[in-house]
Amino acid sequence: MSANTVAIRSAVRNALTDCAAGDLILVAVSGGADSLALAYALSLEAPKLALRVEGVTVDHQLQSQSSVQAEKVVAALATMGIEKTHIIKVDVDITDGLEASARRARYAALDSCAEKTGATFVFLGHTRDDQSESVLLGLARGSGARSLSAMALRNGKYVRPLLAITREETLGACVEAQLDPWDDPHNADKAFTRVRVRTDVIPNLEKNLGPGISAALARTASLLRDDADALDQLAETEFALHDPLSLDISRLEKLPKAIRTRVLRLAIYAAGAPSGSLSADHITPIEALITEWSGQGASDLPGGVRVSRISGRLSLSR
């Protein structure tokens, strides 16, 4: 057994420790090397713990013959002993770019499949390379620590065991297992920002700054996630001390900015803003109601939330 396969199986084994005998695990498989290697490792490790594994592949219907590729995934998983694979066709409503819209449709499909099947976890094949790309994309957007911390090993029902595994290792594991990965044409289309980061930006950084950039970026993500988790916990403790729709400004202005802005986000989401809809541009004028008060009016935010300063308090309403 090659070092590649050993590393992947070890990562998967560690990720299964929270599972109980009889649990159903869904593995999301596109047919690429990363997800195939993940499915292969699960097919070997899950039975040892009396876990059930089913595949799920999402057909975005964005390319001709996409249904053929979905059937190939079903066949590939069957050779591993994963006998049941769910094919989910989605219609991608392109509202904020193809990448983001397809991602939203994909996760909605995975959520639905997990709910219908009663799956305990959904395993995803994101690798260290995906993690480093996400950090660079976050830097380009001017994002904060939470965004720069990129993907978590576990986020609710979603588990990403391969975040310390490279794309090269998954390719090597597929070769050893005699699996034939699919090369998604979108992965070579430089119209997509992530593809340009992968094919141009990171190789250029490696050339000019030296090897190991991807590993360093992934390590940075891990460190930032620890920091962001600690700050989020402090903010949640503070938010619990407030009336969620009427925050005490005298108390808020004494907080470090990193905690205060998190409390503001918690309050705005609690008031009805859609999850993930707030940006720094939304928070800045709310922060100014506390730290740079000069009689300015209310701010209107996503979800119809309005924030005003009234008698020394931040009032939130819809």
Protein backbone atom coordinates (compact mmCIF):
# COMPACT_ATOMS: atom_id res chain seq x y z
CA MET A 1 0.00 0.00 0.00
CA SER A 2 1.43 3.38 -1.01
CA ALA A 3 2.07 6.25 1.37
CA ASN A 4 -0.68 8.20 -0.40
CA THR A 5 -3.33 5.60 0.37
CA VAL A 6 -2.08 5.13 3.94
CA ALA A 7 -2.33 8.90 4.62
CA ILE A 8 -5.85 9.13 3.18
CA ARG A 9 -7.13 6.07 5.01
CA SER A 10 -5.64 7.38 8.26
CA ALA A 11 -7.34 10.76 7.78
CA VAL A 12 -10.68 9.09 7.07
CA ARG A 13 -10.29 6.73 10.04
CA ASN A 14 -9.75 9.70 12.36
CA ALA A 15 -12.81 11.46 10.95
CA LEU A 16 -15.03 8.46 11.71
CA THR A 17 -14.40 8.49 15.46
CA ASP A 18 -17.62 10.44 16.16
CA CYS A 19 -19.75 7.87 14.35
CA ALA A 20 -21.69 5.03 15.99
CA ALA A 21 -22.32 1.55 14.64
CA GLY A 22 -25.19 1.60 12.17
CA ASP A 23 -24.79 5.27 11.23
CA LEU A 24 -25.25 6.19 7.58
CA ILE A 25 -22.48 8.21 5.94
CA LEU A 26 -23.04 9.99 2.65
CA VAL A 27 -19.96 10.63 0.51
CA ALA A 28 -20.30 13.36 -2.12
CA VAL A 29 -18.54 12.29 -5.31
CA SER A 30 -18.09 14.29 -8.51
CA GLY A 31 -15.84 11.70 -10.11
CA GLY A 32 -12.68 13.73 -9.63
CA ALA A 33 -9.58 12.29 -7.94
CA ASP A 34 -10.24 13.90 -4.55
CA SER A 35 -13.75 12.57 -4.05
CA LEU A 36 -12.96 9.16 -5.58
CA ALA A 37 -10.01 8.71 -3.23
CA LEU A 38 -12.21 9.72 -0.29
CA ALA A 39 -14.94 7.26 -1.29
CA TYR A 40 -12.37 4.48 -1.72
CA ALA A 41 -10.94 5.07 1.75
CA LEU A 42 -14.44 5.13 3.25
CA SER A 43 -15.31 1.86 1.51
CA LEU A 44 -12.36 0.27 3.33
CA GLU A 45 -12.62 1.93 6.74
CA ALA A 46 -16.36 2.31 7.38
CA PRO A 47 -17.23 -1.42 7.42
CA LYS A 48 -14.75 -1.97 10.25
CA LEU A 49 -16.97 0.25 12.41
CA ALA A 50 -20.26 -1.21 11.15
CA LEU A 51 -21.05 2.03 9.33
CA ARG A 52 -23.15 2.24 6.20
CA VAL A 53 -21.90 4.28 3.25
CA GLU A 54 -23.93 5.63 0.34
CA GLY A 55 -22.76 7.88 -2.46
CA VAL A 56 -24.35 11.08 -3.70
CA THR A 57 -23.48 12.88 -6.91
CA VAL A 58 -24.98 16.19 -7.94
CA ASP A 59 -25.71 16.73 -11.62
CA HIS A 60 -25.65 20.50 -12.13
CA GLN A 61 -26.76 20.06 -15.76
CA LEU A 62 -24.27 22.73 -16.82
CA GLN A 63 -22.41 20.58 -19.35
CA SER A 64 -23.48 18.27 -22.11
CA GLN A 65 -23.35 14.60 -21.11
CA SER A 66 -23.45 15.51 -17.42
CA SER A 67 -25.89 12.67 -16.81
CA VAL A 68 -23.38 10.24 -18.35
CA GLN A 69 -20.74 11.38 -15.88
CA ALA A 70 -23.19 10.87 -13.01
CA GLU A 71 -23.75 7.27 -14.12
CA LYS A 72 -19.98 6.75 -14.28
CA VAL A 73 -19.78 7.81 -10.65
CA VAL A 74 -22.43 5.26 -9.75
CA ALA A 75 -20.46 2.53 -11.54
CA ALA A 76 -17.15 3.55 -9.94
CA LEU A 77 -18.62 3.47 -6.44
CA ALA A 78 -20.23 0.11 -7.12
CA THR A 79 -16.78 -1.38 -7.83
CA MET A 80 -15.78 -0.25 -4.31
CA GLY A 81 -18.76 -1.97 -2.75
CA ILE A 82 -20.79 1.21 -2.33
CA GLU A 83 -23.92 -0.19 -3.87
CA LYS A 84 -26.30 2.75 -3.48
CA THR A 85 -25.59 6.17 -4.98
CA HIS A 86 -28.08 9.02 -5.17
CA ILE A 87 -28.06 11.08 -8.38
CA ILE A 88 -29.54 14.51 -7.74
CA LYS A 89 -30.24 16.81 -10.67
CA VAL A 90 -30.34 20.51 -9.85
CA ASP A 91 -31.24 23.62 -11.78
CA VAL A 92 -28.61 26.27 -11.09
CA ASP A 93 -30.17 29.71 -10.78
CA ILE A 94 -27.22 31.96 -11.66
CA THR A 95 -27.65 35.07 -9.52
CA ASP A 96 -24.15 35.90 -8.25
CA GLY A 97 -21.78 34.13 -10.63
CA LEU A 98 -21.69 30.54 -11.80
CA GLU A 99 -19.32 29.29 -9.09
CA ALA A 100 -21.29 30.66 -6.15
CA SER A 101 -24.66 29.76 -7.64
CA ALA A 102 -23.60 26.18 -8.41
CA ARG A 103 -22.15 25.81 -4.91
CA ARG A 104 -25.41 27.01 -3.35
CA ALA A 105 -27.47 24.58 -5.45
CA ARG A 106 -25.05 21.74 -4.63
CA TYR A 107 -25.23 22.22 -0.87
CA ALA A 108 -29.02 22.55 -0.99
CA ALA A 109 -29.11 19.18 -2.77
CA LEU A 110 -26.75 17.59 -0.24
CA ASP A 111 -28.78 18.99 2.66
CA SER A 112 -31.95 17.54 1.16
CA CYS A 113 -30.38 14.14 0.55
CA ALA A 114 -28.99 13.96 4.08
CA GLU A 115 -32.40 14.81 5.53
CA LYS A 116 -34.26 12.26 3.39
CA THR A 117 -31.83 9.43 4.09
CA GLY A 118 -31.25 10.21 7.75
CA ALA A 119 -27.48 10.41 7.18
CA THR A 120 -25.40 11.29 10.22
CA PHE A 121 -22.64 12.97 8.20
CA VAL A 122 -21.84 14.04 4.66
CA PHE A 123 -18.17 13.55 3.74
CA LEU A 124 -16.61 15.99 1.26
CA GLY A 125 -13.33 15.61 -0.62
CA HIS A 126 -11.81 19.08 -0.20
CA THR A 127 -8.01 18.94 0.04
CA ARG A 128 -5.18 21.10 1.32
CA ASP A 129 -4.94 22.64 -2.14
CA ASP A 130 -8.60 23.71 -1.97
CA GLN A 131 -7.92 25.17 1.47
CA SER A 132 -4.96 27.28 0.32
CA GLU A 133 -6.94 28.55 -2.67
CA SER A 134 -9.76 29.59 -0.34
CA VAL A 135 -7.34 31.58 1.84
CA LEU A 136 -6.00 33.50 -1.16
CA LEU A 137 -9.52 34.22 -2.41
CA GLY A 138 -10.40 35.53 1.04
CA LEU A 139 -7.33 37.78 1.06
CA ALA A 140 -8.31 39.16 -2.35
CA ARG A 141 -11.76 40.05 -0.99
CA GLY A 142 -10.28 41.78 2.07
CA SER A 143 -12.04 39.29 4.34
CA GLY A 144 -11.69 38.91 8.07
CA ALA A 145 -10.32 36.06 10.18
CA ARG A 146 -13.42 33.88 9.87
CA SER A 147 -13.32 33.92 6.07
CA LEU A 148 -9.54 33.50 5.96
CA SER A 149 -9.81 30.46 8.21
CA ALA A 150 -11.41 28.82 5.16
CA MET A 151 -12.98 25.37 5.59
CA ALA A 152 -13.38 23.48 8.85
CA LEU A 153 -12.59 19.80 9.27
CA ARG A 154 -16.14 19.50 10.53
CA ASN A 155 -19.00 21.96 10.11
CA GLY A 156 -22.27 20.55 11.36
CA LYS A 157 -23.02 17.40 9.38
CA TYR A 158 -20.30 18.16 6.82
CA VAL A 159 -16.92 16.48 7.31
CA ARG A 160 -13.77 17.19 5.27
CA PRO A 161 -11.17 14.57 6.24
CA LEU A 162 -8.69 15.44 3.49
CA LEU A 163 -7.80 19.03 4.43
CA ALA A 164 -4.24 17.94 5.24
CA ILE A 165 -4.00 15.79 2.08
CA THR A 166 -2.73 17.20 -1.23
CA ARG A 167 -4.34 16.84 -4.63
CA GLU A 168 -1.22 14.99 -5.74
CA GLU A 169 -1.76 12.40 -3.00
CA THR A 170 -5.36 11.77 -4.05
CA LEU A 171 -4.23 11.27 -7.65
CA GLY A 172 -1.61 8.80 -6.47
CA ALA A 173 -4.19 6.89 -4.43
CA CYS A 174 -6.47 6.66 -7.46
CA VAL A 175 -3.64 5.23 -9.55
CA GLU A 176 -2.94 2.57 -6.93
CA ALA A 177 -6.65 1.68 -6.64
CA GLN A 178 -6.97 1.60 -10.45
CA LEU A 179 -9.62 4.32 -10.40
CA ASP A 180 -10.08 6.58 -13.40
CA PRO A 181 -10.73 10.16 -12.20
CA TRP A 182 -12.79 12.60 -14.24
CA ASP A 183 -11.23 15.93 -15.22
CA ASP A 184 -14.03 18.49 -14.98
CA PRO A 185 -13.57 20.97 -17.88
CA HIS A 186 -14.54 23.79 -15.52
CA ASN A 187 -11.36 23.07 -13.54
CA ALA A 188 -9.30 24.32 -16.49
CA ASP A 189 -11.51 27.29 -17.42
CA LYS A 190 -9.69 30.49 -16.46
CA ALA A 191 -12.93 32.40 -16.58
CA PHE A 192 -13.26 31.19 -12.99
CA THR A 193 -11.27 33.03 -10.34
CA ARG A 194 -10.43 29.88 -8.38
CA VAL A 195 -8.95 28.28 -11.50
CA ARG A 196 -6.69 31.29 -12.06
CA VAL A 197 -5.56 31.08 -8.44
CA ARG A 198 -4.79 27.38 -8.91
CA THR A 199 -3.04 27.57 -12.27
CA ASP A 200 -1.41 31.00 -12.19
CA VAL A 201 -1.25 32.64 -8.77
CA ILE A 202 -0.03 29.78 -6.56
CA PRO A 203 2.60 28.54 -9.07
CA ASN A 204 3.85 32.13 -9.38
CA LEU A 205 4.07 32.45 -5.59
CA GLU A 206 5.94 29.14 -5.41
CA LYS A 207 8.35 30.36 -8.07
CA ASN A 208 9.07 33.72 -6.44
CA LEU A 209 8.73 32.97 -2.73
CA GLY A 210 9.85 29.36 -2.66
CA PRO A 211 8.10 26.00 -2.29
CA GLY A 212 5.61 25.24 0.44
CA ILE A 213 3.22 28.15 -0.12
CA SER A 214 0.12 25.93 -0.21
CA ALA A 215 1.08 24.24 3.04
CA ALA A 216 1.78 27.61 4.69
CA LEU A 217 -1.57 29.03 3.58
CA ALA A 218 -3.41 25.98 4.90
CA ARG A 219 -1.50 26.29 8.19
CA THR A 220 -2.50 29.96 8.39
CA ALA A 221 -6.14 28.97 7.89
CA SER A 222 -5.92 26.53 10.81
CA LEU A 223 -4.38 29.14 13.12
CA LEU A 224 -6.93 31.77 12.15
CA ARG A 225 -9.77 29.31 12.73
CA ASP A 226 -8.59 28.82 16.32
CA ASP A 227 -8.53 32.61 16.81
CA ALA A 228 -11.90 33.13 15.15
CA ASP A 229 -13.49 30.37 17.24
CA ALA A 230 -12.23 32.01 20.45
CA LEU A 231 -13.49 35.46 19.42
CA ASP A 232 -16.86 34.04 18.38
CA GLN A 233 -17.24 32.34 21.75
CA LEU A 234 -16.48 35.58 23.60
CA ALA A 235 -18.96 37.46 21.41
CA GLU A 236 -21.69 34.89 22.02
CA THR A 237 -21.16 35.16 25.78
CA GLU A 238 -21.41 38.95 25.56
CA PHE A 239 -24.46 38.89 23.29
CA ALA A 240 -26.30 36.70 25.78
CA LEU A 241 -26.09 39.57 28.32
CA HIS A 242 -28.05 41.95 26.03
CA ASP A 243 -31.64 42.34 24.99
CA PRO A 244 -31.15 41.03 21.41
CA LEU A 245 -33.26 43.82 19.88
CA SER A 246 -32.03 46.66 22.10
CA LEU A 247 -28.30 46.73 22.77
CA ASP A 248 -26.71 48.89 25.48
CA ILE A 249 -24.33 51.26 23.67
CA SER A 250 -22.39 52.18 26.82
CA ARG A 251 -21.54 48.50 27.22
CA LEU A 252 -20.78 47.95 23.53
CA GLU A 253 -18.35 50.86 23.25
CA LYS A 254 -16.15 49.38 25.99
CA LEU A 255 -15.64 46.15 24.05
CA PRO A 256 -12.66 45.48 21.75
CA LYS A 257 -13.72 46.10 18.18
CA ALA A 258 -13.22 42.44 17.21
CA ILE A 259 -15.78 41.39 19.85
CA ARG A 260 -18.15 44.32 19.28
CA THR A 261 -18.52 43.76 15.54
CA ARG A 262 -19.25 40.09 16.17
CA VAL A 263 -21.94 41.02 18.69
CA LEU A 264 -23.46 43.33 16.09
CA ARG A 265 -23.54 40.53 13.52
CA LEU A 266 -25.19 38.19 16.01
CA ALA A 267 -27.83 40.81 16.80
CA ILE A 268 -28.55 41.60 13.16
CA TYR A 269 -28.90 37.93 12.23
CA ALA A 270 -31.11 37.38 15.28
CA ALA A 271 -33.30 40.24 14.05
CA GLY A 272 -33.88 38.46 10.75
CA ALA A 273 -31.04 39.13 8.30
CA PRO A 274 -30.44 36.07 6.07
CA SER A 275 -27.53 33.87 7.13
CA GLY A 276 -24.27 34.91 5.44
CA SER A 277 -25.73 38.12 4.01
CA LEU A 278 -23.67 40.62 6.02
CA SER A 279 -20.41 42.13 4.77
CA ALA A 280 -17.99 44.59 6.33
CA ASP A 281 -19.75 47.35 4.38
CA HIS A 282 -22.96 46.52 6.25
CA ILE A 283 -21.31 46.52 9.68
CA THR A 284 -19.27 49.75 9.27
CA PRO A 285 -22.21 52.20 9.54
CA ILE A 286 -23.64 50.25 12.49
CA GLU A 287 -20.26 50.43 14.23
CA ALA A 288 -20.29 54.18 13.57
CA LEU A 289 -23.57 54.51 15.48
CA ILE A 290 -21.57 53.46 18.53
CA THR A 291 -18.10 54.92 18.06
CA GLU A 292 -18.66 57.93 15.77
CA TRP A 293 -22.10 59.14 16.76
CA SER A 294 -23.07 62.50 15.20
CA GLY A 295 -26.82 62.18 14.88
CA GLN A 296 -26.86 59.95 11.79
CA GLY A 297 -30.04 58.13 10.88
CA ALA A 298 -30.99 54.48 10.78
CA SER A 299 -29.27 51.90 8.57
CA ASP A 300 -31.25 49.42 6.49
CA LEU A 301 -29.74 45.95 6.15
CA PRO A 302 -30.47 42.67 4.34
CA GLY A 303 -33.69 40.95 5.33
CA GLY A 304 -35.40 44.26 6.02
CA VAL A 305 -33.55 44.76 9.31
CA ARG A 306 -33.26 48.38 10.43
CA VAL A 307 -30.79 49.54 13.08
CA SER A 308 -31.20 52.91 14.84
CA ARG A 309 -29.60 54.65 17.80
CA ILE A 310 -32.32 55.63 20.27
CA SER A 311 -31.72 56.92 23.80
CA GLY A 312 -28.32 55.33 24.23
CA ARG A 313 -29.32 52.00 22.76
CA LEU A 314 -29.10 50.27 19.39
CA SER A 315 -32.62 49.38 18.37
CA LEU A 316 -33.15 46.60 15.82
CA SER A 317 -36.42 46.05 14.01
CA ARG A 318 -37.79 44.65 10.75
